Amino acid sequence: MLSANLAVDSVRPFPGVVSRKMPLGKAVPCPPPALSLVEAGTYGNRMAKHLHMTSAPMISVRTRRKTHLAVTRLRSETGLVERTTPFACERAFTVQLHLRPVSPVKFWLHGRPVSDEPAQDGSVSILHLDHEPSMYLGSAFDMVQFYVPRIALDEFADENDGCRCETLTWPFGKVDPRLKSLALCLLPVLERPELSSELYVDHLVFAAHAYIARTYGGIKIAPSVVRGGLAPWQLHRATDMLKANLDGQIALSQVARECKLSVSHFVRAFKQTIGEPPYRWLLQQRIDAAKELLLHSQLPMVEIALKCGFADQACFIRAFRKLLDTTPGEWRRIRMQ
């Protein structure tokens, strides 16, 4: 599993990525959506309905330009009775990471069959939503779906001085262990989003988006963007904003905007300056604040947890143990002796 201190710049694109069996060509122009992107996007419950499910856990974040990126978990103990109705035509992609084998898996574009083969654990399939795709899953399935609008890919390329990509490509059925690692990191967030800070959720989703843009879209980040950390004023502004939101309920895009940087550039520069990504740095600030309360107050553990921005006592203990290899209670007892 990918380590918890994943940074957006920690992933590298796979070389020689090619497409198989999917005729790309020119996309059929799509009419402008009548609803907002949140309502019209093929993810979350809207995607679940296509798969004859009542609902599906989903998280979404906004980029600097307010474009939505979304991650949905889609799972069922039975396959589909029939193929889905065609997904609404929109300028976006859905990247699906399978967490269990599925057989058969069939895809159609504009009503024409393009693929008919099983999916392995860890394999990836990409659907171009402006090709009006539909699909059939013949057995129980468990997938993590990444919803990627074309405008978000353009934004990523522009902010990193890279060339825009025409499409996303990956061989149908090929396993991608790196995207699977990202998907596994996201599972606890999808199941219990209330226990994760907004900063951490943003970090994971933007990391996945950067990986997809670079690996499947071939977008290369200019060397001039990669080099250099935060200016002193940017570091001061960023750390002040993060400390003012000790619970982590602040969007990465908001902090990056205050520093006049894109999210990916900000995370890279922050890590280069501080040595760790923003959410990890903020977690250390929360633990340091908790240490002070453990040593200099008689507050019960649950109150210390809440004062330091943790969702509950259990989250506090897990984070404390992860960083210090001991529990808060044990740490307090040793230092009070």
C-alpha atoms as a PDB file:
ATOM      1  CA  MET A   1       0.000   0.000   0.000  1.00  0.00           C
ATOM      2  CA  LEU A   2       1.241   3.465  -0.797  1.00  0.00           C
ATOM      3  CA  SER A   3       2.669   5.227   2.228  1.00  0.00           C
ATOM      4  CA  ALA A   4       0.496   7.776   4.005  1.00  0.00           C
ATOM      5  CA  ASN A   5       2.897  10.620   3.282  1.00  0.00           C
ATOM      6  CA  LEU A   6       2.219  10.423  -0.427  1.00  0.00           C
ATOM      7  CA  ALA A   7       2.897  13.698  -2.237  1.00  0.00           C
ATOM      8  CA  VAL A   8       1.489  14.695  -5.594  1.00  0.00           C
ATOM      9  CA  ASP A   9       4.988  14.691  -7.066  1.00  0.00           C
ATOM     10  CA  SER A  10       5.859  11.238  -5.741  1.00  0.00           C
ATOM     11  CA  VAL A  11       4.330   9.348  -8.652  1.00  0.00           C
ATOM     12  CA  ARG A  12       5.995   8.928 -12.011  1.00  0.00           C
ATOM     13  CA  PRO A  13       4.313   8.094 -15.318  1.00  0.00           C
ATOM     14  CA  PHE A  14       4.730   4.664 -16.846  1.00  0.00           C
ATOM     15  CA  PRO A  15       6.617   4.790 -20.148  1.00  0.00           C
ATOM     16  CA  GLY A  16       5.162   3.507 -23.383  1.00  0.00           C
ATOM     17  CA  VAL A  17       1.494   3.650 -22.436  1.00  0.00           C
ATOM     18  CA  VAL A  18      -0.634   2.722 -25.433  1.00  0.00           C
ATOM     19  CA  SER A  19      -4.286   2.095 -26.112  1.00  0.00           C
ATOM     20  CA  ARG A  20      -5.773  -1.195 -27.258  1.00  0.00           C
ATOM     21  CA  LYS A  21      -9.137  -2.001 -28.801  1.00  0.00           C
ATOM     22  CA  MET A  22     -10.580   1.447 -28.227  1.00  0.00           C
ATOM     23  CA  PRO A  23     -11.086   3.436 -31.413  1.00  0.00           C
ATOM     24  CA  LEU A  24     -10.376   7.004 -30.430  1.00  0.00           C
ATOM     25  CA  GLY A  25     -10.788   9.213 -33.471  1.00  0.00           C
ATOM     26  CA  LYS A  26     -12.648  12.458 -32.965  1.00  0.00           C
ATOM     27  CA  ALA A  27     -15.206  12.657 -30.234  1.00  0.00           C
ATOM     28  CA  VAL A  28     -18.747  13.476 -31.225  1.00  0.00           C
ATOM     29  CA  PRO A  29     -19.519  17.024 -30.018  1.00  0.00           C
ATOM     30  CA  CYS A  30     -21.568  17.013 -26.851  1.00  0.00           C
ATOM     31  CA  PRO A  31     -24.353  19.465 -26.146  1.00  0.00           C
ATOM     32  CA  PRO A  32     -23.751  21.696 -23.133  1.00  0.00           C
ATOM     33  CA  PRO A  33     -25.131  20.075 -19.961  1.00  0.00           C
ATOM     34  CA  ALA A  34     -28.428  21.415 -18.715  1.00  0.00           C
ATOM     35  CA  LEU A  35     -27.424  20.831 -15.098  1.00  0.00           C
ATOM     36  CA  SER A  36     -24.421  21.882 -13.095  1.00  0.00           C
ATOM     37  CA  LEU A  37     -21.357  19.653 -13.158  1.00  0.00           C
ATOM     38  CA  VAL A  38     -22.188  18.366  -9.689  1.00  0.00           C
ATOM     39  CA  GLU A  39     -25.622  17.219 -10.857  1.00  0.00           C
ATOM     40  CA  ALA A  40     -24.660  16.098 -14.352  1.00  0.00           C
ATOM     41  CA  GLY A  41     -21.348  14.348 -13.720  1.00  0.00           C
ATOM     42  CA  THR A  42     -21.301  10.573 -14.161  1.00  0.00           C
ATOM     43  CA  TYR A  43     -20.117   9.644 -10.674  1.00  0.00           C
ATOM     44  CA  GLY A  44     -21.558   9.010  -7.217  1.00  0.00           C
ATOM     45  CA  ASN A  45     -25.213   8.054  -7.124  1.00  0.00           C
ATOM     46  CA  ARG A  46     -25.660   8.965 -10.775  1.00  0.00           C
ATOM     47  CA  MET A  47     -23.083   6.322 -11.724  1.00  0.00           C
ATOM     48  CA  ALA A  48     -24.583   3.877  -9.221  1.00  0.00           C
ATOM     49  CA  LYS A  49     -27.979   4.084 -10.911  1.00  0.00           C
ATOM     50  CA  HIS A  50     -26.442   3.036 -14.220  1.00  0.00           C
ATOM     51  CA  LEU A  51     -25.216  -0.104 -12.440  1.00  0.00           C
ATOM     52  CA  HIS A  52     -28.657  -0.701 -10.887  1.00  0.00           C
ATOM     53  CA  MET A  53     -27.443   0.257  -7.400  1.00  0.00           C
ATOM     54  CA  THR A  54     -29.339   2.504  -5.005  1.00  0.00           C
ATOM     55  CA  SER A  55     -26.309   4.515  -3.885  1.00  0.00           C
ATOM     56  CA  ALA A  56     -22.505   4.570  -3.729  1.00  0.00           C
ATOM     57  CA  PRO A  57     -20.012   6.277  -1.404  1.00  0.00           C
ATOM     58  CA  MET A  58     -18.340   9.234  -3.114  1.00  0.00           C
ATOM     59  CA  ILE A  59     -15.949  12.087  -2.357  1.00  0.00           C
ATOM     60  CA  SER A  60     -15.282  15.110  -4.548  1.00  0.00           C
ATOM     61  CA  VAL A  61     -12.891  18.044  -4.456  1.00  0.00           C
ATOM     62  CA  ARG A  62     -12.578  21.232  -6.453  1.00  0.00           C
ATOM     63  CA  THR A  63      -9.560  22.401  -8.377  1.00  0.00           C
ATOM     64  CA  ARG A  64      -8.263  25.949  -8.289  1.00  0.00           C
ATOM     65  CA  ARG A  65     -10.682  26.821 -11.104  1.00  0.00           C
ATOM     66  CA  LYS A  66     -13.611  25.153  -9.317  1.00  0.00           C
ATOM     67  CA  THR A  67     -13.694  22.037 -11.504  1.00  0.00           C
ATOM     68  CA  HIS A  68     -14.913  18.922  -9.696  1.00  0.00           C
ATOM     69  CA  LEU A  69     -12.823  15.761  -9.372  1.00  0.00           C
ATOM     70  CA  ALA A  70     -14.659  12.797  -7.862  1.00  0.00           C
ATOM     71  CA  VAL A  71     -13.928   9.299  -6.589  1.00  0.00           C
ATOM     72  CA  THR A  72     -16.697   6.705  -6.185  1.00  0.00           C
ATOM     73  CA  ARG A  73     -16.683   3.148  -4.889  1.00  0.00           C
ATOM     74  CA  LEU A  74     -18.974   0.836  -6.835  1.00  0.00           C
ATOM     75  CA  ARG A  75     -19.487  -2.689  -5.535  1.00  0.00           C
ATOM     76  CA  SER A  76     -22.084  -5.387  -5.781  1.00  0.00           C
ATOM     77  CA  GLU A  77     -22.241  -9.078  -4.896  1.00  0.00           C
ATOM     78  CA  THR A  78     -24.083  -9.788  -8.122  1.00  0.00           C
ATOM     79  CA  GLY A  79     -23.286  -8.937 -11.700  1.00  0.00           C
ATOM     80  CA  LEU A  80     -25.538  -6.907 -13.968  1.00  0.00           C
ATOM     81  CA  VAL A  81     -28.605  -8.535 -15.490  1.00  0.00           C
ATOM     82  CA  GLU A  82     -28.050  -6.568 -18.688  1.00  0.00           C
ATOM     83  CA  ARG A  83     -25.742  -3.924 -20.043  1.00  0.00           C
ATOM     84  CA  THR A  84     -26.110  -0.397 -18.744  1.00  0.00           C
ATOM     85  CA  THR A  85     -27.901   2.320 -20.598  1.00  0.00           C
ATOM     86  CA  PRO A  86     -25.415   4.638 -22.362  1.00  0.00           C
ATOM     87  CA  PHE A  87     -23.841   7.178 -20.040  1.00  0.00           C
ATOM     88  CA  ALA A  88     -24.694  10.807 -20.723  1.00  0.00           C
ATOM     89  CA  CYS A  89     -22.437  12.448 -23.268  1.00  0.00           C
ATOM     90  CA  GLU A  90     -20.024  14.812 -21.499  1.00  0.00           C
ATOM     91  CA  ARG A  91     -16.453  15.979 -21.860  1.00  0.00           C
ATOM     92  CA  ALA A  92     -14.978  13.730 -19.211  1.00  0.00           C
ATOM     93  CA  PHE A  93     -13.426  10.338 -18.533  1.00  0.00           C
ATOM     94  CA  THR A  94     -14.165   7.663 -15.988  1.00  0.00           C
ATOM     95  CA  VAL A  95     -11.103   5.647 -14.928  1.00  0.00           C
ATOM     96  CA  GLN A  96     -12.154   2.413 -13.218  1.00  0.00           C
ATOM     97  CA  LEU A  97      -9.812   0.408 -10.995  1.00  0.00           C
ATOM     98  CA  HIS A  98     -11.038  -3.137 -10.293  1.00  0.00           C
ATOM     99  CA  LEU A  99     -10.505  -4.472  -6.763  1.00  0.00           C
ATOM    100  CA  ARG A 100     -11.619  -8.016  -7.610  1.00  0.00           C
ATOM    101  CA  PRO A 101     -11.724 -10.186 -10.750  1.00  0.00           C
ATOM    102  CA  VAL A 102     -14.815  -9.775 -12.935  1.00  0.00           C
ATOM    103  CA  SER A 103     -15.880 -11.938 -15.862  1.00  0.00           C
ATOM    104  CA  PRO A 104     -17.050 -11.157 -18.423  1.00  0.00           C
ATOM    105  CA  VAL A 105     -16.554  -7.400 -18.852  1.00  0.00           C
ATOM    106  CA  LYS A 106     -17.957  -5.854 -22.014  1.00  0.00           C
ATOM    107  CA  PHE A 107     -17.858  -2.280 -23.321  1.00  0.00           C
ATOM    108  CA  TRP A 108     -19.716  -0.465 -26.097  1.00  0.00           C
ATOM    109  CA  LEU A 109     -19.028   2.940 -27.666  1.00  0.00           C
ATOM    110  CA  HIS A 110     -21.841   4.601 -29.574  1.00  0.00           C
ATOM    111  CA  GLY A 111     -23.613   1.231 -29.359  1.00  0.00           C
ATOM    112  CA  ARG A 112     -20.748  -0.716 -30.994  1.00  0.00           C
ATOM    113  CA  PRO A 113     -18.889  -3.414 -29.006  1.00  0.00           C
ATOM    114  CA  VAL A 114     -15.202  -2.596 -28.420  1.00  0.00           C
ATOM    115  CA  SER A 115     -14.065  -4.989 -25.692  1.00  0.00           C
ATOM    116  CA  ASP A 116     -15.074  -8.357 -24.271  1.00  0.00           C
ATOM    117  CA  GLU A 117     -12.638  -9.791 -21.728  1.00  0.00           C
ATOM    118  CA  PRO A 118     -12.363 -10.429 -17.979  1.00  0.00           C
ATOM    119  CA  ALA A 119     -10.921  -7.914 -15.525  1.00  0.00           C
ATOM    120  CA  GLN A 120      -8.210  -8.815 -13.025  1.00  0.00           C
ATOM    121  CA  ASP A 121      -7.693  -7.487  -9.522  1.00  0.00           C
ATOM    122  CA  GLY A 122      -5.900  -4.180 -10.075  1.00  0.00           C
ATOM    123  CA  SER A 123      -6.742  -3.804 -13.747  1.00  0.00           C
ATOM    124  CA  VAL A 124      -7.877  -0.489 -15.202  1.00  0.00           C
ATOM    125  CA  SER A 125     -10.446   0.459 -17.808  1.00  0.00           C
ATOM    126  CA  ILE A 126     -11.010   3.964 -19.167  1.00  0.00           C
ATOM    127  CA  LEU A 127     -14.332   5.096 -20.587  1.00  0.00           C
ATOM    128  CA  HIS A 128     -14.536   8.209 -22.763  1.00  0.00           C
ATOM    129  CA  LEU A 129     -17.853   9.720 -21.748  1.00  0.00           C
ATOM    130  CA  ASP A 130     -18.116  11.752 -24.953  1.00  0.00           C
ATOM    131  CA  HIS A 131     -18.355   8.404 -26.805  1.00  0.00           C
ATOM    132  CA  GLU A 132     -21.630   7.506 -25.009  1.00  0.00           C
ATOM    133  CA  PRO A 133     -20.229   4.312 -23.489  1.00  0.00           C
ATOM    134  CA  SER A 134     -22.149   1.475 -21.903  1.00  0.00           C
ATOM    135  CA  MET A 135     -20.881  -1.645 -20.166  1.00  0.00           C
ATOM    136  CA  TYR A 136     -21.765  -5.043 -18.821  1.00  0.00           C
ATOM    137  CA  LEU A 137     -20.269  -6.703 -15.729  1.00  0.00           C
ATOM    138  CA  GLY A 138     -21.088 -10.400 -15.625  1.00  0.00           C
ATOM    139  CA  SER A 139     -20.145 -11.189 -12.029  1.00  0.00           C
ATOM    140  CA  ALA A 140     -19.758  -9.567  -8.609  1.00  0.00           C
ATOM    141  CA  PHE A 141     -17.661  -6.400  -8.831  1.00  0.00           C
ATOM    142  CA  ASP A 142     -15.819  -3.907  -6.647  1.00  0.00           C
ATOM    143  CA  MET A 143     -14.408  -0.834  -8.382  1.00  0.00           C
ATOM    144  CA  VAL A 144     -13.001   2.559  -7.509  1.00  0.00           C
ATOM    145  CA  GLN A 145     -14.032   5.059 -10.151  1.00  0.00           C
ATOM    146  CA  PHE A 146     -12.067   8.260 -10.780  1.00  0.00           C
ATOM    147  CA  TYR A 147     -14.108  10.926 -12.560  1.00  0.00           C
ATOM    148  CA  VAL A 148     -11.822  13.215 -14.605  1.00  0.00           C
ATOM    149  CA  PRO A 149     -13.289  16.091 -16.661  1.00  0.00           C
ATOM    150  CA  ARG A 150     -11.319  17.153 -19.721  1.00  0.00           C
ATOM    151  CA  ILE A 151     -11.229  20.709 -18.390  1.00  0.00           C
ATOM    152  CA  ALA A 152      -9.430  19.469 -15.266  1.00  0.00           C
ATOM    153  CA  LEU A 153      -6.751  17.820 -17.426  1.00  0.00           C
ATOM    154  CA  ASP A 154      -6.320  21.077 -19.355  1.00  0.00           C
ATOM    155  CA  GLU A 155      -6.019  22.941 -16.076  1.00  0.00           C
ATOM    156  CA  PHE A 156      -3.352  20.538 -14.809  1.00  0.00           C
ATOM    157  CA  ALA A 157      -1.351  20.906 -18.032  1.00  0.00           C
ATOM    158  CA  ASP A 158      -1.619  24.710 -18.066  1.00  0.00           C
ATOM    159  CA  GLU A 159      -0.603  25.081 -14.430  1.00  0.00           C
ATOM    160  CA  ASN A 160       2.425  22.844 -14.906  1.00  0.00           C
ATOM    161  CA  ASP A 161       3.560  24.353 -18.227  1.00  0.00           C
ATOM    162  CA  GLY A 162       2.878  21.071 -20.005  1.00  0.00           C
ATOM    163  CA  CYS A 163       1.188  20.244 -23.287  1.00  0.00           C
ATOM    164  CA  ARG A 164      -2.507  19.462 -23.103  1.00  0.00           C
ATOM    165  CA  CYS A 165      -3.491  15.873 -23.804  1.00  0.00           C
ATOM    166  CA  GLU A 166      -6.041  14.787 -26.368  1.00  0.00           C
ATOM    167  CA  THR A 167      -7.199  11.718 -24.486  1.00  0.00           C
ATOM    168  CA  LEU A 168      -6.426   9.218 -21.733  1.00  0.00           C
ATOM    169  CA  THR A 169      -5.148   5.807 -22.798  1.00  0.00           C
ATOM    170  CA  TRP A 170      -4.365   2.519 -21.063  1.00  0.00           C
ATOM    171  CA  PRO A 171      -4.613  -1.052 -22.392  1.00  0.00           C
ATOM    172  CA  PHE A 172      -7.919  -2.640 -21.383  1.00  0.00           C
ATOM    173  CA  GLY A 173      -7.405  -5.113 -18.578  1.00  0.00           C
ATOM    174  CA  LYS A 174      -3.794  -4.191 -17.814  1.00  0.00           C
ATOM    175  CA  VAL A 175      -2.988  -4.044 -14.088  1.00  0.00           C
ATOM    176  CA  ASP A 176      -1.759  -0.740 -12.656  1.00  0.00           C
ATOM    177  CA  PRO A 177      -0.298  -1.325  -9.158  1.00  0.00           C
ATOM    178  CA  ARG A 178       0.314   2.373  -8.550  1.00  0.00           C
ATOM    179  CA  LEU A 179      -3.260   3.433  -9.163  1.00  0.00           C
ATOM    180  CA  LYS A 180      -4.406   0.473  -7.070  1.00  0.00           C
ATOM    181  CA  SER A 181      -2.244   1.717  -4.180  1.00  0.00           C
ATOM    182  CA  LEU A 182      -3.895   5.119  -4.442  1.00  0.00           C
ATOM    183  CA  ALA A 183      -7.334   3.494  -4.570  1.00  0.00           C
ATOM    184  CA  LEU A 184      -6.599   1.461  -1.434  1.00  0.00           C
ATOM    185  CA  CYS A 185      -5.532   4.641   0.388  1.00  0.00           C
ATOM    186  CA  LEU A 186      -8.892   6.160  -0.542  1.00  0.00           C
ATOM    187  CA  LEU A 187     -11.068   3.264   0.666  1.00  0.00           C
ATOM    188  CA  PRO A 188     -11.120   4.275   4.375  1.00  0.00           C
ATOM    189  CA  VAL A 189     -11.957   7.846   3.332  1.00  0.00           C
ATOM    190  CA  LEU A 190     -14.813   6.660   1.138  1.00  0.00           C
ATOM    191  CA  GLU A 191     -16.242   4.485   3.911  1.00  0.00           C
ATOM    192  CA  ARG A 192     -15.874   7.032   6.742  1.00  0.00           C
ATOM    193  CA  PRO A 193     -15.333  10.488   5.215  1.00  0.00           C
ATOM    194  CA  GLU A 194     -16.268  12.185   8.493  1.00  0.00           C
ATOM    195  CA  LEU A 195     -13.099  10.789  10.094  1.00  0.00           C
ATOM    196  CA  SER A 196     -10.734  12.310   7.527  1.00  0.00           C
ATOM    197  CA  SER A 197      -9.708  15.943   7.289  1.00  0.00           C
ATOM    198  CA  GLU A 198     -10.509  17.900   4.147  1.00  0.00           C
ATOM    199  CA  LEU A 199      -6.786  18.524   3.708  1.00  0.00           C
ATOM    200  CA  TYR A 200      -6.011  14.792   3.666  1.00  0.00           C
ATOM    201  CA  VAL A 201      -8.880  13.987   1.285  1.00  0.00           C
ATOM    202  CA  ASP A 202      -7.728  16.743  -1.072  1.00  0.00           C
ATOM    203  CA  HIS A 203      -4.181  15.420  -0.919  1.00  0.00           C
ATOM    204  CA  LEU A 204      -5.186  11.900  -1.979  1.00  0.00           C
ATOM    205  CA  VAL A 205      -7.610  12.958  -4.713  1.00  0.00           C
ATOM    206  CA  PHE A 206      -5.199  15.480  -6.228  1.00  0.00           C
ATOM    207  CA  ALA A 207      -2.415  12.895  -6.080  1.00  0.00           C
ATOM    208  CA  ALA A 208      -4.607  10.457  -8.015  1.00  0.00           C
ATOM    209  CA  HIS A 209      -5.538  13.160 -10.519  1.00  0.00           C
ATOM    210  CA  ALA A 210      -1.888  14.109 -11.067  1.00  0.00           C
ATOM    211  CA  TYR A 211      -0.980  10.455 -11.576  1.00  0.00           C
ATOM    212  CA  ILE A 212      -3.794   9.927 -14.090  1.00  0.00           C
ATOM    213  CA  ALA A 213      -2.897  13.119 -15.985  1.00  0.00           C
ATOM    214  CA  ARG A 214       0.771  12.162 -16.224  1.00  0.00           C
ATOM    215  CA  THR A 215       0.461   8.405 -16.745  1.00  0.00           C
ATOM    216  CA  TYR A 216      -2.655   8.073 -18.901  1.00  0.00           C
ATOM    217  CA  GLY A 217      -2.580  11.550 -20.444  1.00  0.00           C
ATOM    218  CA  GLY A 218       1.176  11.812 -20.957  1.00  0.00           C
ATOM    219  CA  ILE A 219       1.248  15.348 -19.513  1.00  0.00           C
ATOM    220  CA  LYS A 220       4.808  16.247 -18.614  1.00  0.00           C
ATOM    221  CA  ILE A 221       5.609  18.836 -15.956  1.00  0.00           C
ATOM    222  CA  ALA A 222       8.091  21.486 -17.031  1.00  0.00           C
ATOM    223  CA  PRO A 223      11.438  21.404 -15.147  1.00  0.00           C
ATOM    224  CA  SER A 224      10.986  25.054 -14.202  1.00  0.00           C
ATOM    225  CA  VAL A 225       7.825  24.111 -12.274  1.00  0.00           C
ATOM    226  CA  VAL A 226       9.468  21.238 -10.420  1.00  0.00           C
ATOM    227  CA  ARG A 227      12.414  23.279  -9.162  1.00  0.00           C
ATOM    228  CA  GLY A 228      12.197  25.646  -6.203  1.00  0.00           C
ATOM    229  CA  GLY A 229      10.397  25.713  -2.874  1.00  0.00           C
ATOM    230  CA  LEU A 230       8.064  28.279  -1.344  1.00  0.00           C
ATOM    231  CA  ALA A 231       9.078  31.899  -0.996  1.00  0.00           C
ATOM    232  CA  PRO A 232       9.239  33.098   2.648  1.00  0.00           C
ATOM    233  CA  TRP A 233       5.943  34.979   2.324  1.00  0.00           C
ATOM    234  CA  GLN A 234       4.257  31.915   0.826  1.00  0.00           C
ATOM    235  CA  LEU A 235       5.538  29.645   3.595  1.00  0.00           C
ATOM    236  CA  HIS A 236       4.393  32.107   6.250  1.00  0.00           C
ATOM    237  CA  ARG A 237       0.930  32.447   4.693  1.00  0.00           C
ATOM    238  CA  ALA A 238       0.500  28.713   4.199  1.00  0.00           C
ATOM    239  CA  THR A 239       1.569  27.706   7.713  1.00  0.00           C
ATOM    240  CA  ASP A 240      -0.579  30.443   9.267  1.00  0.00           C
ATOM    241  CA  MET A 241      -3.637  29.203   7.361  1.00  0.00           C
ATOM    242  CA  LEU A 242      -2.958  25.582   8.267  1.00  0.00           C
ATOM    243  CA  LYS A 243      -2.411  26.365  11.970  1.00  0.00           C
ATOM    244  CA  ALA A 244      -5.648  28.355  12.008  1.00  0.00           C
ATOM    245  CA  ASN A 245      -7.402  25.182  10.821  1.00  0.00           C
ATOM    246  CA  LEU A 246      -5.787  22.636  13.103  1.00  0.00           C
ATOM    247  CA  ASP A 247      -8.515  20.102  12.350  1.00  0.00           C
ATOM    248  CA  GLY A 248      -7.463  20.114   8.694  1.00  0.00           C
ATOM    249  CA  GLN A 249     -10.863  21.265   7.478  1.00  0.00           C
ATOM    250  CA  ILE A 250      -9.446  23.556   4.838  1.00  0.00           C
ATOM    251  CA  ALA A 251      -9.140  22.904   1.115  1.00  0.00           C
ATOM    252  CA  LEU A 252      -5.714  22.519  -0.445  1.00  0.00           C
ATOM    253  CA  SER A 253      -6.913  24.663  -3.336  1.00  0.00           C
ATOM    254  CA  GLN A 254      -7.695  27.487  -0.904  1.00  0.00           C
ATOM    255  CA  VAL A 255      -4.194  27.471   0.593  1.00  0.00           C
ATOM    256  CA  ALA A 256      -2.592  27.131  -2.843  1.00  0.00           C
ATOM    257  CA  ARG A 257      -4.670  30.043  -4.151  1.00  0.00           C
ATOM    258  CA  GLU A 258      -3.451  32.264  -1.305  1.00  0.00           C
ATOM    259  CA  CYS A 259       0.108  31.387  -2.336  1.00  0.00           C
ATOM    260  CA  LYS A 260      -0.754  32.110  -5.992  1.00  0.00           C
ATOM    261  CA  LEU A 261       0.141  28.559  -7.020  1.00  0.00           C
ATOM    262  CA  SER A 262      -1.615  25.541  -8.464  1.00  0.00           C
ATOM    263  CA  VAL A 263      -2.365  22.730  -6.022  1.00  0.00           C
ATOM    264  CA  SER A 264       0.236  20.364  -7.461  1.00  0.00           C
ATOM    265  CA  HIS A 265       2.899  23.101  -7.562  1.00  0.00           C
ATOM    266  CA  PHE A 266       2.070  24.163  -4.000  1.00  0.00           C
ATOM    267  CA  VAL A 267       2.314  20.628  -2.600  1.00  0.00           C
ATOM    268  CA  ARG A 268       5.644  20.021  -4.345  1.00  0.00           C
ATOM    269  CA  ALA A 269       7.066  23.366  -3.195  1.00  0.00           C
ATOM    270  CA  PHE A 270       5.791  22.878   0.369  1.00  0.00           C
ATOM    271  CA  LYS A 271       7.390  19.444   0.589  1.00  0.00           C
ATOM    272  CA  GLN A 272      10.644  20.751  -0.861  1.00  0.00           C
ATOM    273  CA  THR A 273      10.720  23.577   1.708  1.00  0.00           C
ATOM    274  CA  ILE A 274       9.477  21.707   4.799  1.00  0.00           C
ATOM    275  CA  GLY A 275      10.399  18.135   3.963  1.00  0.00           C
ATOM    276  CA  GLU A 276       6.870  16.714   4.068  1.00  0.00           C
ATOM    277  CA  PRO A 277       3.487  17.404   2.447  1.00  0.00           C
ATOM    278  CA  PRO A 278       1.044  19.876   4.060  1.00  0.00           C
ATOM    279  CA  TYR A 279      -1.321  17.346   5.660  1.00  0.00           C
ATOM    280  CA  ARG A 280       1.595  15.477   7.227  1.00  0.00           C
ATOM    281  CA  TRP A 281       3.087  18.718   8.583  1.00  0.00           C
ATOM    282  CA  LEU A 282      -0.272  19.732  10.029  1.00  0.00           C
ATOM    283  CA  LEU A 283      -0.680  16.327  11.675  1.00  0.00           C
ATOM    284  CA  GLN A 284       2.650  16.887  13.429  1.00  0.00           C
ATOM    285  CA  GLN A 285       1.412  20.296  14.655  1.00  0.00           C
ATOM    286  CA  ARG A 286      -1.684  18.623  16.085  1.00  0.00           C
ATOM    287  CA  ILE A 287       0.402  15.992  17.842  1.00  0.00           C
ATOM    288  CA  ASP A 288       2.726  18.687  19.240  1.00  0.00           C
ATOM    289  CA  ALA A 289      -0.281  20.608  20.572  1.00  0.00           C
ATOM    290  CA  ALA A 290      -1.599  17.401  22.125  1.00  0.00           C
ATOM    291  CA  LYS A 291       1.751  16.778  23.843  1.00  0.00           C
ATOM    292  CA  GLU A 292       1.551  20.183  25.511  1.00  0.00           C
ATOM    293  CA  LEU A 293      -1.931  19.433  26.825  1.00  0.00           C
ATOM    294  CA  LEU A 294      -0.888  15.960  27.960  1.00  0.00           C
ATOM    295  CA  LEU A 295       1.970  17.419  29.996  1.00  0.00           C
ATOM    296  CA  HIS A 296       0.423  20.620  31.300  1.00  0.00           C
ATOM    297  CA  SER A 297      -3.272  19.889  31.796  1.00  0.00           C
ATOM    298  CA  GLN A 298      -5.505  17.352  33.471  1.00  0.00           C
ATOM    299  CA  LEU A 299      -7.892  17.183  30.528  1.00  0.00           C
ATOM    300  CA  PRO A 300      -9.227  13.728  29.666  1.00  0.00           C
ATOM    301  CA  MET A 301      -8.043  12.159  26.464  1.00  0.00           C
ATOM    302  CA  VAL A 302     -11.276  12.764  24.580  1.00  0.00           C
ATOM    303  CA  GLU A 303     -11.134  16.535  25.225  1.00  0.00           C
ATOM    304  CA  ILE A 304      -7.495  16.725  24.172  1.00  0.00           C
ATOM    305  CA  ALA A 305      -8.385  14.896  20.966  1.00  0.00           C
ATOM    306  CA  LEU A 306     -11.143  17.366  20.112  1.00  0.00           C
ATOM    307  CA  LYS A 307      -9.087  20.450  21.051  1.00  0.00           C
ATOM    308  CA  CYS A 308      -6.315  19.303  18.739  1.00  0.00           C
ATOM    309  CA  GLY A 309      -8.567  18.756  15.749  1.00  0.00           C
ATOM    310  CA  PHE A 310      -9.092  14.983  15.813  1.00  0.00           C
ATOM    311  CA  ALA A 311     -12.516  13.577  14.984  1.00  0.00           C
ATOM    312  CA  ASP A 312     -12.590  11.475  18.148  1.00  0.00           C
ATOM    313  CA  GLN A 313     -10.375   9.820  20.738  1.00  0.00           C
ATOM    314  CA  ALA A 314      -9.796   6.721  18.616  1.00  0.00           C
ATOM    315  CA  CYS A 315      -8.479   8.803  15.689  1.00  0.00           C
ATOM    316  CA  PHE A 316      -6.192  10.688  18.084  1.00  0.00           C
ATOM    317  CA  ILE A 317      -4.750   7.489  19.546  1.00  0.00           C
ATOM    318  CA  ARG A 318      -4.173   5.953  16.104  1.00  0.00           C
ATOM    319  CA  ALA A 319      -2.369   9.054  14.817  1.00  0.00           C
ATOM    320  CA  PHE A 320      -0.287   9.379  17.997  1.00  0.00           C
ATOM    321  CA  ARG A 321       0.756   5.733  17.876  1.00  0.00           C
ATOM    322  CA  LYS A 322       1.615   5.965  14.190  1.00  0.00           C
ATOM    323  CA  LEU A 323       3.977   8.890  14.698  1.00  0.00           C
ATOM    324  CA  LEU A 324       5.448   8.010  18.096  1.00  0.00           C
ATOM    325  CA  ASP A 325       4.993   4.242  18.346  1.00  0.00           C
ATOM    326  CA  THR A 326       3.181   4.601  21.665  1.00  0.00           C
ATOM    327  CA  THR A 327      -0.222   5.713  22.934  1.00  0.00           C
ATOM    328  CA  PRO A 328      -0.919   9.167  24.393  1.00  0.00           C
ATOM    329  CA  GLY A 329      -1.659   7.597  27.788  1.00  0.00           C
ATOM    330  CA  GLU A 330       1.636   5.706  27.865  1.00  0.00           C
ATOM    331  CA  TRP A 331       3.543   8.779  26.685  1.00  0.00           C
ATOM    332  CA  ARG A 332       1.955  10.908  29.439  1.00  0.00           C
ATOM    333  CA  ARG A 333       2.635   8.365  32.187  1.00  0.00           C
ATOM    334  CA  ILE A 334       6.324   8.021  31.309  1.00  0.00           C
ATOM    335  CA  ARG A 335       6.881  11.783  31.343  1.00  0.00           C
ATOM    336  CA  MET A 336       4.893  12.389  34.510  1.00  0.00           C
ATOM    337  CA  GLN A 337       6.936   9.900  36.537  1.00  0.00           C
END
